[in-house]
Amino acid sequence: MKRPKPLKWAQDWFVVDATNRGLGRLATRSHACSWGKDNPSFTPYLDSGDHVVVINADKVRMTGNKVEQKIIIRTAGIPAG
């Protein structure tokens, strides 16, 4: 009886055009694709994600008043940090 061959994870390359796409939706979708969450054989401890290349990132669409009102605060993430 032959021993089954281990599965070989083939990582694909995806090119995403960010022209007129919402920032949050683009970030969520590209992160899920790069981490491998959209693959049926997703395993958190294996590198089963694909490679994602985003082009035209300067033409991404910002909805609402994010450009004028967004304040980025950087903290250490611990109390009193």
PDB file of N, CA and C in Angstrom:
ATOM      1  N   MET A   1       0.836  -1.176   0.000  1.00  0.00           N
ATOM      2  CA  MET A   1       0.000   0.000   0.000  1.00  0.00           C
ATOM      3  C   MET A   1       0.882   1.239   0.000  1.00  0.00           C
ATOM      4  N   LYS A   2       0.615   2.138  -0.915  1.00  0.00           N
ATOM      5  CA  LYS A   2       1.416   3.356  -1.021  1.00  0.00           C
ATOM      6  C   LYS A   2       1.007   4.365   0.036  1.00  0.00           C
ATOM      7  N   ARG A   3       1.996   5.047   0.506  1.00  0.00           N
ATOM      8  CA  ARG A   3       1.752   6.110   1.469  1.00  0.00           C
ATOM      9  C   ARG A   3       1.297   7.358   0.704  1.00  0.00           C
ATOM     10  N   PRO A   4       0.249   8.049   1.181  1.00  0.00           N
ATOM     11  CA  PRO A   4      -0.210   9.235   0.441  1.00  0.00           C
ATOM     12  C   PRO A   4       0.813  10.351   0.502  1.00  0.00           C
ATOM     13  N   LYS A   5       0.907  11.079  -0.593  1.00  0.00           N
ATOM     14  CA  LYS A   5       1.841  12.198  -0.653  1.00  0.00           C
ATOM     15  C   LYS A   5       1.287  13.375   0.151  1.00  0.00           C
ATOM     16  N   PRO A   6       2.162  14.104   0.802  1.00  0.00           N
ATOM     17  CA  PRO A   6       1.666  15.281   1.526  1.00  0.00           C
ATOM     18  C   PRO A   6       1.184  16.349   0.550  1.00  0.00           C
ATOM     19  N   LEU A   7       0.205  17.108   0.993  1.00  0.00           N
ATOM     20  CA  LEU A   7      -0.324  18.167   0.137  1.00  0.00           C
ATOM     21  C   LEU A   7       0.712  19.264  -0.029  1.00  0.00           C
ATOM     22  N   LYS A   8       0.854  19.740  -1.219  1.00  0.00           N
ATOM     23  CA  LYS A   8       1.787  20.829  -1.498  1.00  0.00           C
ATOM     24  C   LYS A   8       0.970  22.096  -1.688  1.00  0.00           C
ATOM     25  N   TRP A   9       1.233  23.078  -0.846  1.00  0.00           N
ATOM     26  CA  TRP A   9       0.481  24.322  -0.892  1.00  0.00           C
ATOM     27  C   TRP A   9       1.082  25.224  -1.963  1.00  0.00           C
ATOM     28  N   ALA A  10       0.348  25.442  -3.005  1.00  0.00           N
ATOM     29  CA  ALA A  10       0.793  26.335  -4.069  1.00  0.00           C
ATOM     30  C   ALA A  10       0.273  27.730  -3.758  1.00  0.00           C
ATOM     31  N   GLN A  11       1.181  28.652  -3.589  1.00  0.00           N
ATOM     32  CA  GLN A  11       0.786  30.021  -3.304  1.00  0.00           C
ATOM     33  C   GLN A  11       0.644  30.786  -4.614  1.00  0.00           C
ATOM     34  N   ASP A  12      -0.487  31.442  -4.769  1.00  0.00           N
ATOM     35  CA  ASP A  12      -0.771  32.206  -5.970  1.00  0.00           C
ATOM     36  C   ASP A  12      -0.421  33.670  -5.745  1.00  0.00           C
ATOM     37  N   TRP A  13      -0.329  34.392  -6.830  1.00  0.00           N
ATOM     38  CA  TRP A  13      -0.093  35.837  -6.791  1.00  0.00           C
ATOM     39  C   TRP A  13      -1.352  36.523  -7.273  1.00  0.00           C
ATOM     40  N   PHE A  14      -1.810  37.526  -6.522  1.00  0.00           N
ATOM     41  CA  PHE A  14      -2.973  38.312  -6.899  1.00  0.00           C
ATOM     42  C   PHE A  14      -2.556  39.771  -7.032  1.00  0.00           C
ATOM     43  N   VAL A  15      -2.969  40.404  -8.113  1.00  0.00           N
ATOM     44  CA  VAL A  15      -2.719  41.821  -8.325  1.00  0.00           C
ATOM     45  C   VAL A  15      -4.062  42.527  -8.179  1.00  0.00           C
ATOM     46  N   VAL A  16      -4.139  43.452  -7.220  1.00  0.00           N
ATOM     47  CA  VAL A  16      -5.376  44.157  -6.918  1.00  0.00           C
ATOM     48  C   VAL A  16      -5.224  45.607  -7.345  1.00  0.00           C
ATOM     49  N   ASP A  17      -6.160  46.093  -8.142  1.00  0.00           N
ATOM     50  CA  ASP A  17      -6.171  47.492  -8.548  1.00  0.00           C
ATOM     51  C   ASP A  17      -7.035  48.261  -7.556  1.00  0.00           C
ATOM     52  N   ALA A  18      -6.443  49.222  -6.847  1.00  0.00           N
ATOM     53  CA  ALA A  18      -7.129  49.943  -5.778  1.00  0.00           C
ATOM     54  C   ALA A  18      -7.858  51.185  -6.266  1.00  0.00           C
ATOM     55  N   THR A  19      -7.952  51.394  -7.554  1.00  0.00           N
ATOM     56  CA  THR A  19      -8.612  52.586  -8.087  1.00  0.00           C
ATOM     57  C   THR A  19     -10.095  52.551  -7.740  1.00  0.00           C
ATOM     58  N   ASN A  20     -10.569  53.619  -7.051  1.00  0.00           N
ATOM     59  CA  ASN A  20     -11.973  53.791  -6.659  1.00  0.00           C
ATOM     60  C   ASN A  20     -12.507  52.648  -5.808  1.00  0.00           C
ATOM     61  N   ARG A  21     -11.688  52.063  -4.983  1.00  0.00           N
ATOM     62  CA  ARG A  21     -12.136  51.055  -4.024  1.00  0.00           C
ATOM     63  C   ARG A  21     -12.082  51.656  -2.630  1.00  0.00           C
ATOM     64  N   GLY A  22     -13.004  51.257  -1.780  1.00  0.00           N
ATOM     65  CA  GLY A  22     -13.016  51.742  -0.408  1.00  0.00           C
ATOM     66  C   GLY A  22     -11.822  51.210   0.367  1.00  0.00           C
ATOM     67  N   LEU A  23     -11.256  52.036   1.234  1.00  0.00           N
ATOM     68  CA  LEU A  23     -10.031  51.673   1.944  1.00  0.00           C
ATOM     69  C   LEU A  23     -10.232  50.468   2.855  1.00  0.00           C
ATOM     70  N   GLY A  24     -11.296  50.468   3.645  1.00  0.00           N
ATOM     71  CA  GLY A  24     -11.522  49.380   4.589  1.00  0.00           C
ATOM     72  C   GLY A  24     -11.809  48.058   3.913  1.00  0.00           C
ATOM     73  N   ARG A  25     -12.638  48.095   2.901  1.00  0.00           N
ATOM     74  CA  ARG A  25     -12.982  46.859   2.180  1.00  0.00           C
ATOM     75  C   ARG A  25     -11.773  46.283   1.451  1.00  0.00           C
ATOM     76  N   LEU A  26     -10.966  47.161   0.891  1.00  0.00           N
ATOM     77  CA  LEU A  26      -9.755  46.718   0.201  1.00  0.00           C
ATOM     78  C   LEU A  26      -8.781  46.090   1.191  1.00  0.00           C
ATOM     79  N   ALA A  27      -8.605  46.719   2.341  1.00  0.00           N
ATOM     80  CA  ALA A  27      -7.676  46.204   3.340  1.00  0.00           C
ATOM     81  C   ALA A  27      -8.144  44.869   3.903  1.00  0.00           C
ATOM     82  N   THR A  28      -9.438  44.745   4.164  1.00  0.00           N
ATOM     83  CA  THR A  28      -9.980  43.509   4.714  1.00  0.00           C
ATOM     84  C   THR A  28      -9.829  42.350   3.738  1.00  0.00           C
ATOM     85  N   ARG A  29     -10.166  42.588   2.495  1.00  0.00           N
ATOM     86  CA  ARG A  29     -10.109  41.520   1.485  1.00  0.00           C
ATOM     87  C   ARG A  29      -8.668  41.096   1.185  1.00  0.00           C
ATOM     88  N   SER A  30      -7.766  42.068   1.072  1.00  0.00           N
ATOM     89  CA  SER A  30      -6.387  41.712   0.760  1.00  0.00           C
ATOM     90  C   SER A  30      -5.718  41.013   1.938  1.00  0.00           C
ATOM     91  N   HIS A  31      -6.071  41.383   3.171  1.00  0.00           N
ATOM     92  CA  HIS A  31      -5.497  40.711   4.338  1.00  0.00           C
ATOM     93  C   HIS A  31      -5.980  39.272   4.442  1.00  0.00           C
ATOM     94  N   ALA A  32      -7.260  39.055   4.191  1.00  0.00           N
ATOM     95  CA  ALA A  32      -7.791  37.692   4.251  1.00  0.00           C
ATOM     96  C   ALA A  32      -7.154  36.808   3.180  1.00  0.00           C
ATOM     97  N   CYS A  33      -6.917  37.378   2.022  1.00  0.00           N
ATOM     98  CA  CYS A  33      -6.294  36.617   0.934  1.00  0.00           C
ATOM     99  C   CYS A  33      -4.832  36.320   1.235  1.00  0.00           C
ATOM    100  N   SER A  34      -4.129  37.289   1.820  1.00  0.00           N
ATOM    101  CA  SER A  34      -2.711  37.072   2.105  1.00  0.00           C
ATOM    102  C   SER A  34      -2.503  36.123   3.279  1.00  0.00           C
ATOM    103  N   TRP A  35      -3.476  36.033   4.176  1.00  0.00           N
ATOM    104  CA  TRP A  35      -3.340  35.131   5.319  1.00  0.00           C
ATOM    105  C   TRP A  35      -3.831  33.728   5.003  1.00  0.00           C
ATOM    106  N   GLY A  36      -4.677  33.595   3.961  1.00  0.00           N
ATOM    107  CA  GLY A  36      -5.165  32.295   3.545  1.00  0.00           C
ATOM    108  C   GLY A  36      -6.536  31.956   4.084  1.00  0.00           C
ATOM    109  N   LYS A  37      -7.264  32.941   4.621  1.00  0.00           N
ATOM    110  CA  LYS A  37      -8.572  32.678   5.212  1.00  0.00           C
ATOM    111  C   LYS A  37      -9.607  32.270   4.161  1.00  0.00           C
ATOM    112  N   ASP A  38      -9.380  32.574   2.893  1.00  0.00           N
ATOM    113  CA  ASP A  38     -10.347  32.233   1.864  1.00  0.00           C
ATOM    114  C   ASP A  38     -10.090  30.853   1.256  1.00  0.00           C
ATOM    115  N   ASN A  39      -9.035  30.177   1.673  1.00  0.00           N
ATOM    116  CA  ASN A  39      -8.744  28.837   1.171  1.00  0.00           C
ATOM    117  C   ASN A  39      -9.529  27.805   1.973  1.00  0.00           C
ATOM    118  N   PRO A  40     -10.054  26.773   1.328  1.00  0.00           N
ATOM    119  CA  PRO A  40     -10.794  25.749   2.076  1.00  0.00           C
ATOM    120  C   PRO A  40      -9.902  24.941   3.021  1.00  0.00           C
ATOM    121  N   SER A  41      -8.617  24.950   2.789  1.00  0.00           N
ATOM    122  CA  SER A  41      -7.694  24.192   3.639  1.00  0.00           C
ATOM    123  C   SER A  41      -6.960  25.116   4.606  1.00  0.00           C
ATOM    124  N   PHE A  42      -7.627  26.147   5.121  1.00  0.00           N
ATOM    125  CA  PHE A  42      -6.993  27.122   6.012  1.00  0.00           C
ATOM    126  C   PHE A  42      -6.610  26.462   7.329  1.00  0.00           C
ATOM    127  N   THR A  43      -5.363  26.648   7.712  1.00  0.00           N
ATOM    128  CA  THR A  43      -4.856  26.218   9.016  1.00  0.00           C
ATOM    129  C   THR A  43      -4.051  27.375   9.569  1.00  0.00           C
ATOM    130  N   PRO A  44      -4.371  27.845  10.801  1.00  0.00           N
ATOM    131  CA  PRO A  44      -3.729  29.062  11.299  1.00  0.00           C
ATOM    132  C   PRO A  44      -2.215  28.970  11.453  1.00  0.00           C
ATOM    133  N   TYR A  45      -1.682  27.805  11.748  1.00  0.00           N
ATOM    134  CA  TYR A  45      -0.250  27.690  12.003  1.00  0.00           C
ATOM    135  C   TYR A  45       0.559  27.364  10.755  1.00  0.00           C
ATOM    136  N   LEU A  46      -0.079  27.218   9.593  1.00  0.00           N
ATOM    137  CA  LEU A  46       0.628  26.973   8.343  1.00  0.00           C
ATOM    138  C   LEU A  46       0.584  28.210   7.458  1.00  0.00           C
ATOM    139  N   ASP A  47       1.631  28.388   6.673  1.00  0.00           N
ATOM    140  CA  ASP A  47       1.664  29.501   5.727  1.00  0.00           C
ATOM    141  C   ASP A  47       0.932  29.065   4.465  1.00  0.00           C
ATOM    142  N   SER A  48      -0.381  29.230   4.460  1.00  0.00           N
ATOM    143  CA  SER A  48      -1.185  28.807   3.310  1.00  0.00           C
ATOM    144  C   SER A  48      -1.763  29.999   2.559  1.00  0.00           C
ATOM    145  N   GLY A  49      -1.283  31.190   2.845  1.00  0.00           N
ATOM    146  CA  GLY A  49      -1.794  32.392   2.194  1.00  0.00           C
ATOM    147  C   GLY A  49      -1.177  32.627   0.836  1.00  0.00           C
ATOM    148  N   ASP A  50      -1.760  33.539   0.124  1.00  0.00           N
ATOM    149  CA  ASP A  50      -1.291  33.900  -1.205  1.00  0.00           C
ATOM    150  C   ASP A  50      -0.572  35.241  -1.140  1.00  0.00           C
ATOM    151  N   HIS A  51       0.114  35.568  -2.206  1.00  0.00           N
ATOM    152  CA  HIS A  51       0.819  36.846  -2.296  1.00  0.00           C
ATOM    153  C   HIS A  51      -0.115  37.872  -2.925  1.00  0.00           C
ATOM    154  N   VAL A  52      -0.174  39.062  -2.342  1.00  0.00           N
ATOM    155  CA  VAL A  52      -1.069  40.115  -2.824  1.00  0.00           C
ATOM    156  C   VAL A  52      -0.239  41.345  -3.155  1.00  0.00           C
ATOM    157  N   VAL A  53      -0.430  41.879  -4.360  1.00  0.00           N
ATOM    158  CA  VAL A  53       0.231  43.105  -4.800  1.00  0.00           C
ATOM    159  C   VAL A  53      -0.862  44.122  -5.089  1.00  0.00           C
ATOM    160  N   VAL A  54      -0.788  45.282  -4.433  1.00  0.00           N
ATOM    161  CA  VAL A  54      -1.779  46.334  -4.625  1.00  0.00           C
ATOM    162  C   VAL A  54      -1.165  47.418  -5.502  1.00  0.00           C
ATOM    163  N   ILE A  55      -1.823  47.712  -6.625  1.00  0.00           N
ATOM    164  CA  ILE A  55      -1.352  48.775  -7.503  1.00  0.00           C
ATOM    165  C   ILE A  55      -2.332  49.945  -7.418  1.00  0.00           C
ATOM    166  N   ASN A  56      -1.875  51.130  -7.778  1.00  0.00           N
ATOM    167  CA  ASN A  56      -2.659  52.366  -7.729  1.00  0.00           C
ATOM    168  C   ASN A  56      -3.204  52.633  -6.333  1.00  0.00           C
ATOM    169  N   ALA A  57      -2.380  52.427  -5.322  1.00  0.00           N
ATOM    170  CA  ALA A  57      -2.816  52.631  -3.935  1.00  0.00           C
ATOM    171  C   ALA A  57      -3.071  54.107  -3.643  1.00  0.00           C
ATOM    172  N   ASP A  58      -2.492  55.007  -4.414  1.00  0.00           N
ATOM    173  CA  ASP A  58      -2.732  56.429  -4.182  1.00  0.00           C
ATOM    174  C   ASP A  58      -4.105  56.866  -4.690  1.00  0.00           C
ATOM    175  N   LYS A  59      -4.802  56.018  -5.432  1.00  0.00           N
ATOM    176  CA  LYS A  59      -6.124  56.355  -5.961  1.00  0.00           C
ATOM    177  C   LYS A  59      -7.249  55.672  -5.196  1.00  0.00           C
ATOM    178  N   VAL A  60      -6.963  55.201  -3.975  1.00  0.00           N
ATOM    179  CA  VAL A  60      -7.982  54.539  -3.166  1.00  0.00           C
ATOM    180  C   VAL A  60      -8.999  55.573  -2.707  1.00  0.00           C
ATOM    181  N   ARG A  61     -10.250  55.156  -2.562  1.00  0.00           N
ATOM    182  CA  ARG A  61     -11.327  56.080  -2.206  1.00  0.00           C
ATOM    183  C   ARG A  61     -11.500  56.102  -0.693  1.00  0.00           C
ATOM    184  N   MET A  62     -11.530  57.298  -0.131  1.00  0.00           N
ATOM    185  CA  MET A  62     -11.786  57.489   1.296  1.00  0.00           C
ATOM    186  C   MET A  62     -13.216  57.988   1.438  1.00  0.00           C
ATOM    187  N   THR A  63     -14.040  57.259   2.165  1.00  0.00           N
ATOM    188  CA  THR A  63     -15.434  57.652   2.331  1.00  0.00           C
ATOM    189  C   THR A  63     -15.581  58.573   3.533  1.00  0.00           C
ATOM    190  N   GLY A  64     -16.609  59.383   3.501  1.00  0.00           N
ATOM    191  CA  GLY A  64     -16.870  60.292   4.609  1.00  0.00           C
ATOM    192  C   GLY A  64     -15.821  61.383   4.696  1.00  0.00           C
ATOM    193  N   ASN A  65     -15.499  61.809   5.896  1.00  0.00           N
ATOM    194  CA  ASN A  65     -14.525  62.865   6.132  1.00  0.00           C
ATOM    195  C   ASN A  65     -13.253  62.325   6.780  1.00  0.00           C
ATOM    196  N   LYS A  66     -12.878  61.116   6.441  1.00  0.00           N
ATOM    197  CA  LYS A  66     -11.711  60.500   7.064  1.00  0.00           C
ATOM    198  C   LYS A  66     -10.425  61.288   6.821  1.00  0.00           C
ATOM    199  N   VAL A  67     -10.296  61.853   5.654  1.00  0.00           N
ATOM    200  CA  VAL A  67      -9.061  62.554   5.315  1.00  0.00           C
ATOM    201  C   VAL A  67      -8.864  63.760   6.222  1.00  0.00           C
ATOM    202  N   GLU A  68      -9.949  64.487   6.515  1.00  0.00           N
ATOM    203  CA  GLU A  68      -9.833  65.689   7.338  1.00  0.00           C
ATOM    204  C   GLU A  68      -9.939  65.400   8.834  1.00  0.00           C
ATOM    205  N   GLN A  69     -10.740  64.409   9.239  1.00  0.00           N
ATOM    206  CA  GLN A  69     -11.053  64.234  10.647  1.00  0.00           C
ATOM    207  C   GLN A  69     -10.335  63.082  11.336  1.00  0.00           C
ATOM    208  N   LYS A  70      -9.732  62.191  10.613  1.00  0.00           N
ATOM    209  CA  LYS A  70      -9.111  61.020  11.215  1.00  0.00           C
ATOM    210  C   LYS A  70      -7.890  61.422  12.030  1.00  0.00           C
ATOM    211  N   ILE A  71      -7.864  61.025  13.302  1.00  0.00           N
ATOM    212  CA  ILE A  71      -6.737  61.282  14.187  1.00  0.00           C
ATOM    213  C   ILE A  71      -6.140  59.926  14.549  1.00  0.00           C
ATOM    214  N   ILE A  72      -4.876  59.743  14.271  1.00  0.00           N
ATOM    215  CA  ILE A  72      -4.213  58.476  14.561  1.00  0.00           C
ATOM    216  C   ILE A  72      -3.469  58.629  15.875  1.00  0.00           C
ATOM    217  N   ILE A  73      -3.827  57.791  16.843  1.00  0.00           N
ATOM    218  CA  ILE A  73      -3.200  57.816  18.158  1.00  0.00           C
ATOM    219  C   ILE A  73      -2.438  56.512  18.329  1.00  0.00           C
ATOM    220  N   ARG A  74      -1.194  56.610  18.660  1.00  0.00           N
ATOM    221  CA  ARG A  74      -0.358  55.424  18.832  1.00  0.00           C
ATOM    222  C   ARG A  74      -0.099  55.207  20.308  1.00  0.00           C
ATOM    223  N   THR A  75      -0.484  54.038  20.809  1.00  0.00           N
ATOM    224  CA  THR A  75      -0.251  53.693  22.204  1.00  0.00           C
ATOM    225  C   THR A  75       0.503  52.374  22.280  1.00  0.00           C
ATOM    226  N   ALA A  76       1.020  52.079  23.465  1.00  0.00           N
ATOM    227  CA  ALA A  76       1.755  50.844  23.664  1.00  0.00           C
ATOM    228  C   ALA A  76       0.813  49.649  23.836  1.00  0.00           C
ATOM    229  N   GLY A  77      -0.453  49.914  24.149  1.00  0.00           N
ATOM    230  CA  GLY A  77      -1.419  48.833  24.278  1.00  0.00           C
ATOM    231  C   GLY A  77      -1.491  48.243  25.672  1.00  0.00           C
ATOM    232  N   ILE A  78      -0.764  48.784  26.614  1.00  0.00           N
ATOM    233  CA  ILE A  78      -0.838  48.306  27.992  1.00  0.00           C
ATOM    234  C   ILE A  78      -1.281  49.477  28.873  1.00  0.00           C
ATOM    235  N   PRO A  79      -1.896  49.192  30.025  1.00  0.00           N
ATOM    236  CA  PRO A  79      -2.344  50.272  30.886  1.00  0.00           C
ATOM    237  C   PRO A  79      -1.173  51.161  31.326  1.00  0.00           C
ATOM    238  N   ALA A  80      -1.376  52.458  31.292  1.00  0.00           N
ATOM    239  CA  ALA A  80      -0.384  53.464  31.674  1.00  0.00           C
ATOM    240  C   ALA A  80       0.866  53.376  30.818  1.00  0.00           C
ATOM    241  N   GLY A  81       0.714  52.881  29.581  1.00  0.00           N
ATOM    242  CA  GLY A  81       1.884  52.716  28.751  1.00  0.00           C
ATOM    243  C   GLY A  81       2.055  53.792  27.755  1.00  0.00           C
TER     244      GLY A  81
END
